[in-house]
Amino acid sequence: MVNAYPSIGLCLNWFRCVTLVLLAVQVASAAPALELSLPLACRPGINCWVVRHLHHDPGPGFADYRCGALGADGHGGTDFAIADLRPETAVPVLASAAGTVRAARDGMPDQPPEGRIEHAYGARNCGNGVLIDHEGGWETQYCHLRRGSIRVAAGDRVAAGQVIGLVGMSGEANFPHVHLGVRHAGADIDPFTGEPASASCGARAAPLWSPEHAAALPYLEVPIARVGLTDHVPTHEAIVAGRAEPRGKLGPGSPALVAYLLAYGLRRGDRIELEIIAPDGSLLHRAEFDVAADAPRATRSAGRTATAGRWRSGVYRVEIRVRRHERVFARAAEIGLGQ
């Protein structure tokens, strides 16, 4: 093999020689960048949400890459949540980059719909998952997939965007999501910055996401992941698991109209405002909730019982606002009541 970078002893132009040697060291030490696409087939902010980020604070407490509180102490990846686990809303998990499957595990049960969780998983807290090797010492890991959904095996070559399973709630998971872990040379890497977890928050970002997917993943400080209307007061567990649907068909004869929400990243001092707007534009119900303590995930519900006749047919609007000082985070949903 011809040496493209001559030694200093044979180099007549000292400056050129040193430059070439430095270039050689830089080329040899630089790892090829990993470009990522979304790890699941969804539309961020519409039917999936980034609800937990990599932990960037080496001390007590938590800080995400924007120095916010969207995550949990020691969290080693990025969580993409979906609305629920109903069969008709199955969401495929996708390989974020081309590579070779190093390991895959299936057969672990999903947590029950009401969101109960066990804490005895140990090294199997990932649940059903897939680990993919990429070039240059990179690897990605996909956790909490649905039991029986894994479509790849160790040794398989996969393409970016290839379906490897379905979003589930297996292992140490108490809401439906896929946990994406990105590592280089064994170190956890934040896909939103390209920096390791040891890097301080707020550092200049060079995301690993492809330009298309980076544009689709703006930082949401308070993701309001679910807004709905039902005919009873749903439990926290039912809202988290996507099981707060009406007990009967919503209509003029429903016993109550109750709005509910699921939000992430709430902080002490936030105020939640919930409104139900009737089809004629009038305010049917309004409730406010003050957040007394930081809440990585929170639910609220409020509404009215049908004490004075039947509900008006038409489209009802549920509006949710989270106020944090001068900032407002909002989401709304429209639900029709038939005849």
Protein backbone atom coordinates (compact mmCIF):
# COMPACT_ATOMS: atom_id res chain seq x y z
CA MET A 1 0.00 0.00 0.00
CA VAL A 2 1.33 3.45 -0.89
CA ASN A 3 1.70 5.81 2.04
CA ALA A 4 -0.18 8.98 1.13
CA TYR A 5 1.33 10.89 4.05
CA PRO A 6 5.20 10.89 3.89
CA SER A 7 7.17 10.97 7.10
CA ILE A 8 8.70 14.21 8.34
CA GLY A 9 12.18 12.81 7.83
CA LEU A 10 11.57 12.51 4.08
CA CYS A 11 9.70 15.77 3.73
CA LEU A 12 11.51 18.78 2.27
CA ASN A 13 8.62 21.23 2.98
CA TRP A 14 8.31 21.20 6.77
CA PHE A 15 5.01 23.14 6.92
CA ARG A 16 3.40 20.94 4.25
CA CYS A 17 4.63 17.82 5.99
CA VAL A 18 3.23 18.77 9.41
CA THR A 19 -0.07 19.70 7.80
CA LEU A 20 -0.30 16.31 6.10
CA VAL A 21 0.53 14.43 9.30
CA LEU A 22 -2.11 16.36 11.27
CA LEU A 23 -4.62 15.63 8.53
CA ALA A 24 -3.76 11.94 8.67
CA VAL A 25 -4.32 11.84 12.45
CA GLN A 26 -7.63 13.69 12.08
CA VAL A 27 -8.88 11.34 9.36
CA ALA A 28 -7.81 8.26 11.33
CA SER A 29 -9.47 9.39 14.56
CA ALA A 30 -12.73 10.79 13.17
CA ALA A 31 -15.68 8.40 13.32
CA PRO A 32 -18.11 8.56 10.41
CA ALA A 33 -21.25 10.43 11.39
CA LEU A 34 -24.45 8.46 11.88
CA GLU A 35 -27.51 9.96 10.20
CA LEU A 36 -30.80 8.97 11.80
CA SER A 37 -34.40 8.82 10.67
CA LEU A 38 -37.42 8.47 12.95
CA PRO A 39 -37.55 5.19 14.90
CA LEU A 40 -41.29 4.77 14.35
CA ALA A 41 -43.85 5.41 11.62
CA CYS A 42 -45.69 8.47 12.91
CA ARG A 43 -46.13 12.23 12.60
CA PRO A 44 -44.38 13.98 15.49
CA GLY A 45 -46.68 16.33 17.36
CA ILE A 46 -49.74 14.71 15.76
CA ASN A 47 -49.77 11.05 16.78
CA CYS A 48 -46.42 10.65 18.49
CA TRP A 49 -44.42 12.85 20.85
CA VAL A 50 -40.88 13.01 22.22
CA VAL A 51 -41.66 12.88 25.92
CA ARG A 52 -38.30 12.03 27.53
CA HIS A 53 -34.80 13.06 26.51
CA LEU A 54 -31.30 11.91 27.39
CA HIS A 55 -30.02 12.97 30.80
CA HIS A 56 -27.36 15.70 30.45
CA ASP A 57 -26.85 16.66 34.10
CA PRO A 58 -24.09 14.59 35.75
CA GLY A 59 -25.15 15.76 39.22
CA PRO A 60 -28.43 15.39 41.12
CA GLY A 61 -31.55 16.21 39.17
CA PHE A 62 -32.20 16.16 35.44
CA ALA A 63 -31.55 18.41 32.46
CA ASP A 64 -32.36 17.65 28.83
CA TYR A 65 -30.26 19.00 25.96
CA ARG A 66 -32.05 22.36 26.16
CA CYS A 67 -31.55 22.51 29.95
CA GLY A 68 -35.24 21.71 30.36
CA ALA A 69 -36.94 19.10 32.52
CA LEU A 70 -38.36 16.77 29.88
CA GLY A 71 -37.11 13.44 31.18
CA ALA A 72 -35.94 11.63 34.27
CA ASP A 73 -32.72 11.42 36.24
CA GLY A 74 -30.33 8.95 34.61
CA HIS A 75 -32.46 8.42 31.50
CA GLY A 76 -30.17 7.04 28.78
CA GLY A 77 -32.15 7.63 25.58
CA THR A 78 -35.08 9.28 23.84
CA ASP A 79 -38.69 8.16 24.36
CA PHE A 80 -41.26 8.50 21.57
CA ALA A 81 -44.76 8.05 23.00
CA ILE A 82 -47.89 7.10 21.05
CA ALA A 83 -51.55 7.52 21.94
CA ASP A 84 -52.48 3.94 22.86
CA LEU A 85 -51.95 0.25 22.15
CA ARG A 86 -55.26 -0.64 20.50
CA PRO A 87 -54.71 -3.17 17.67
CA GLU A 88 -56.15 -0.78 15.10
CA THR A 89 -53.58 1.85 16.02
CA ALA A 90 -50.49 -0.39 15.87
CA VAL A 91 -47.44 1.77 15.13
CA PRO A 92 -44.42 0.18 13.39
CA VAL A 93 -40.96 0.60 14.90
CA LEU A 94 -38.36 1.40 12.22
CA ALA A 95 -34.60 1.01 12.03
CA SER A 96 -33.23 4.55 12.28
CA ALA A 97 -30.19 3.70 10.15
CA ALA A 98 -28.89 0.82 8.05
CA GLY A 99 -26.94 -1.81 9.93
CA THR A 100 -26.76 -5.38 11.17
CA VAL A 101 -28.92 -6.76 13.97
CA ARG A 102 -26.68 -7.81 16.84
CA ALA A 103 -29.47 -9.05 19.13
CA ALA A 104 -33.26 -9.27 19.32
CA ARG A 105 -35.57 -10.36 22.13
CA ASP A 106 -39.28 -11.17 22.00
CA GLY A 107 -41.80 -12.98 24.19
CA MET A 108 -41.93 -10.65 27.20
CA PRO A 109 -45.48 -9.59 28.05
CA ASP A 110 -46.72 -6.05 27.59
CA GLN A 111 -47.82 -4.21 30.70
CA PRO A 112 -51.60 -4.36 31.26
CA PRO A 113 -53.78 -1.58 29.80
CA GLU A 114 -54.24 0.17 33.13
CA GLY A 115 -50.50 0.85 33.21
CA ARG A 116 -49.35 -1.20 36.20
CA ILE A 117 -45.60 -1.63 36.27
CA GLU A 118 -43.22 -4.08 37.88
CA HIS A 119 -39.68 -3.13 38.89
CA ALA A 120 -37.91 -6.50 38.93
CA TYR A 121 -36.66 -6.64 35.34
CA GLY A 122 -32.98 -5.98 36.03
CA ALA A 123 -30.98 -6.32 32.82
CA ARG A 124 -34.21 -7.05 30.93
CA ASN A 125 -35.84 -3.68 31.64
CA CYS A 126 -35.72 -2.96 27.89
CA GLY A 127 -38.41 -5.59 27.43
CA ASN A 128 -38.76 -6.81 23.87
CA GLY A 129 -36.09 -5.03 21.88
CA VAL A 130 -33.65 -4.89 18.99
CA LEU A 131 -29.97 -3.87 19.00
CA ILE A 132 -28.45 -2.79 15.67
CA ASP A 133 -24.75 -2.28 14.89
CA HIS A 134 -23.75 0.47 12.45
CA GLU A 135 -20.43 1.45 10.93
CA GLY A 136 -17.84 3.42 12.86
CA GLY A 137 -18.63 2.05 16.33
CA TRP A 138 -22.24 3.27 16.39
CA GLU A 139 -25.23 1.29 17.64
CA THR A 140 -28.93 1.92 18.16
CA GLN A 141 -31.27 0.13 20.56
CA TYR A 142 -35.08 -0.04 20.42
CA CYS A 143 -36.92 -1.00 23.62
CA HIS A 144 -40.42 -1.86 24.91
CA LEU A 145 -41.70 -3.36 21.64
CA ARG A 146 -44.96 -5.30 21.55
CA ARG A 147 -44.78 -9.01 22.32
CA GLY A 148 -44.85 -11.14 19.18
CA SER A 149 -44.08 -8.20 16.89
CA ILE A 150 -40.28 -8.53 16.38
CA ARG A 151 -39.58 -9.08 12.67
CA VAL A 152 -35.78 -9.40 12.66
CA ALA A 153 -33.18 -11.72 14.14
CA ALA A 154 -29.50 -11.52 15.02
CA GLY A 155 -27.37 -11.34 11.89
CA ASP A 156 -30.04 -9.76 9.70
CA ARG A 157 -29.01 -6.79 7.58
CA VAL A 158 -31.59 -3.98 7.84
CA ALA A 159 -32.13 -0.79 5.86
CA ALA A 160 -32.99 2.61 7.30
CA GLY A 161 -36.75 2.82 7.68
CA GLN A 162 -37.25 -0.97 7.69
CA VAL A 163 -39.97 -2.25 10.05
CA ILE A 164 -38.43 -4.21 12.93
CA GLY A 165 -41.49 -4.51 15.20
CA LEU A 166 -44.40 -2.60 16.76
CA VAL A 167 -44.52 -0.05 19.57
CA GLY A 168 -45.52 -1.74 22.81
CA MET A 169 -45.29 -1.50 26.58
CA SER A 170 -43.05 -4.42 27.52
CA GLY A 171 -40.38 -4.42 30.18
CA GLU A 172 -40.08 -1.45 32.51
CA ALA A 173 -42.62 0.72 30.71
CA ASN A 174 -45.78 2.33 32.07
CA PHE A 175 -46.94 4.07 28.91
CA PRO A 176 -46.85 2.99 25.24
CA HIS A 177 -43.60 4.16 23.65
CA VAL A 178 -40.36 3.16 22.00
CA HIS A 179 -37.11 4.00 23.77
CA LEU A 180 -34.34 4.83 21.29
CA GLY A 181 -30.81 4.49 22.62
CA VAL A 182 -27.92 5.79 20.52
CA ARG A 183 -24.36 4.90 21.48
CA HIS A 184 -20.88 5.44 20.06
CA ALA A 185 -17.98 3.39 21.42
CA GLY A 186 -20.23 2.44 24.32
CA ALA A 187 -21.14 6.01 25.33
CA ASP A 188 -24.73 7.27 25.28
CA ILE A 189 -25.15 9.94 22.60
CA ASP A 190 -27.96 12.48 22.34
CA PRO A 191 -29.39 12.37 18.79
CA PHE A 192 -30.51 15.99 19.17
CA THR A 193 -26.96 17.27 19.70
CA GLY A 194 -24.54 14.54 18.65
CA GLU A 195 -22.93 14.98 22.09
CA PRO A 196 -22.48 12.37 24.84
CA ALA A 197 -24.57 12.41 27.99
CA SER A 198 -21.54 13.75 29.85
CA ALA A 199 -21.72 17.00 27.84
CA SER A 200 -23.42 19.90 29.57
CA CYS A 201 -26.87 20.97 28.45
CA GLY A 202 -27.22 23.96 26.15
CA ALA A 203 -24.16 23.06 24.09
CA ARG A 204 -24.09 23.93 20.40
CA ALA A 205 -26.09 21.23 18.63
CA ALA A 206 -25.06 19.13 15.64
CA PRO A 207 -28.00 16.70 15.58
CA LEU A 208 -27.69 13.20 14.19
CA TRP A 209 -31.17 13.40 12.67
CA SER A 210 -31.34 13.77 8.90
CA PRO A 211 -32.30 17.33 7.89
CA GLU A 212 -35.82 16.17 7.04
CA HIS A 213 -36.39 14.54 10.38
CA ALA A 214 -34.61 17.23 12.39
CA ALA A 215 -37.10 19.75 10.98
CA ALA A 216 -39.97 17.50 12.11
CA LEU A 217 -38.67 17.28 15.69
CA PRO A 218 -38.75 20.76 17.23
CA TYR A 219 -38.19 20.89 20.95
CA LEU A 220 -41.52 20.71 22.78
CA GLU A 221 -41.07 21.80 26.37
CA VAL A 222 -44.56 20.65 27.37
CA PRO A 223 -45.89 17.97 25.00
CA ILE A 224 -49.66 17.71 25.38
CA ALA A 225 -49.92 14.21 24.05
CA ARG A 226 -53.61 13.46 24.47
CA VAL A 227 -56.80 15.51 24.57
CA GLY A 228 -60.18 13.84 24.61
CA LEU A 229 -63.83 13.80 25.66
CA THR A 230 -65.57 10.94 27.41
CA ASP A 231 -68.73 10.18 29.39
CA HIS A 232 -67.17 9.47 32.81
CA VAL A 233 -64.24 10.54 34.99
CA PRO A 234 -61.34 8.40 33.74
CA THR A 235 -58.52 7.24 35.97
CA HIS A 236 -54.95 8.41 35.54
CA GLU A 237 -53.95 4.88 34.49
CA ALA A 238 -56.71 4.70 31.87
CA ILE A 239 -55.68 8.02 30.30
CA VAL A 240 -52.00 7.02 30.20
CA ALA A 241 -52.80 3.67 28.62
CA GLY A 242 -55.19 5.18 26.06
CA ARG A 243 -58.25 3.52 27.59
CA ALA A 244 -60.32 6.59 28.53
CA GLU A 245 -62.82 6.14 25.71
CA PRO A 246 -66.56 6.51 26.51
CA ARG A 247 -68.34 3.56 28.07
CA GLY A 248 -71.10 4.12 25.55
CA LYS A 249 -71.36 6.03 22.30
CA LEU A 250 -71.09 9.77 22.92
CA GLY A 251 -74.37 11.43 22.10
CA PRO A 252 -77.12 13.72 23.41
CA GLY A 253 -78.06 11.07 25.96
CA SER A 254 -74.59 10.58 27.46
CA PRO A 255 -74.60 10.78 31.27
CA ALA A 256 -71.72 13.27 31.35
CA LEU A 257 -69.23 15.11 29.19
CA VAL A 258 -65.73 15.01 30.69
CA ALA A 259 -62.63 16.39 29.00
CA TYR A 260 -59.22 14.93 29.82
CA LEU A 261 -55.57 15.46 28.95
CA LEU A 262 -52.18 13.82 29.20
CA ALA A 263 -49.14 16.11 29.29
CA TYR A 264 -45.43 15.70 29.91
CA GLY A 265 -42.76 17.96 31.38
CA LEU A 266 -44.98 19.88 33.80
CA ARG A 267 -43.32 21.93 36.51
CA ARG A 268 -44.32 23.24 39.89
CA GLY A 269 -46.20 26.52 39.41
CA ASP A 270 -47.64 25.65 35.99
CA ARG A 271 -51.36 26.25 35.57
CA ILE A 272 -53.51 23.94 33.46
CA GLU A 273 -56.67 25.37 31.89
CA LEU A 274 -59.32 23.04 30.50
CA GLU A 275 -62.38 24.20 28.54
CA ILE A 276 -65.25 22.43 26.82
CA ILE A 277 -66.86 24.56 24.09
CA ALA A 278 -70.40 23.69 22.96
CA PRO A 279 -71.38 23.52 19.26
CA ASP A 280 -72.88 27.04 19.42
CA GLY A 281 -69.58 28.46 20.72
CA SER A 282 -70.70 28.88 24.32
CA LEU A 283 -68.53 27.74 27.22
CA LEU A 284 -69.93 24.50 28.60
CA HIS A 285 -67.31 23.95 31.29
CA ARG A 286 -64.02 25.40 32.47
CA ALA A 287 -61.56 24.13 35.08
CA GLU A 288 -58.13 25.22 36.28
CA PHE A 289 -55.47 23.16 38.01
CA ASP A 290 -52.31 24.43 39.68
CA VAL A 291 -49.36 22.03 39.45
CA ALA A 292 -48.01 21.61 42.97
CA ALA A 293 -44.88 19.58 42.12
CA ASP A 294 -42.78 18.76 39.07
CA ALA A 295 -44.57 16.08 37.06
CA PRO A 296 -42.76 14.27 34.25
CA ARG A 297 -46.19 12.90 33.22
CA ALA A 298 -49.56 14.19 34.40
CA THR A 299 -53.26 13.76 33.64
CA ARG A 300 -56.27 15.90 34.48
CA SER A 301 -60.00 15.65 33.77
CA ALA A 302 -63.10 17.76 34.40
CA GLY A 303 -66.61 18.15 33.04
CA ARG A 304 -70.33 18.19 33.72
CA THR A 305 -73.06 15.65 34.29
CA ALA A 306 -76.28 15.75 32.30
CA THR A 307 -78.47 17.17 35.04
CA ALA A 308 -80.64 19.38 32.84
CA GLY A 309 -81.85 17.44 29.82
CA ARG A 310 -79.88 16.26 26.81
CA TRP A 311 -76.70 17.53 25.25
CA ARG A 312 -76.87 19.54 22.06
CA SER A 313 -75.85 17.58 18.94
CA GLY A 314 -72.85 18.83 16.98
CA VAL A 315 -69.11 19.29 17.36
CA TYR A 316 -67.68 20.01 20.80
CA ARG A 317 -64.22 21.48 21.21
CA VAL A 318 -61.84 20.69 24.06
CA GLU A 319 -59.15 23.31 24.58
CA ILE A 320 -56.13 22.72 26.83
CA ARG A 321 -53.62 25.37 27.83
CA VAL A 322 -50.61 25.08 30.12
CA ARG A 323 -49.41 28.46 31.35
CA ARG A 324 -45.81 28.83 32.50
CA HIS A 325 -45.15 32.45 33.41
CA GLU A 326 -45.64 34.39 30.17
CA ARG A 327 -45.56 31.29 27.93
CA VAL A 328 -48.56 29.22 26.91
CA PHE A 329 -48.54 25.64 25.56
CA ALA A 330 -51.84 24.64 23.96
CA ARG A 331 -53.65 21.87 22.15
CA ALA A 332 -57.27 21.35 21.15
CA ALA A 333 -59.47 18.55 19.85
CA GLU A 334 -62.91 18.46 18.26
CA ILE A 335 -65.36 15.66 19.02
CA GLY A 336 -68.75 15.18 17.42
CA LEU A 337 -71.92 14.17 19.24
CA GLY A 338 -74.42 12.57 16.91
CA GLN A 339 -78.18 12.41 17.07
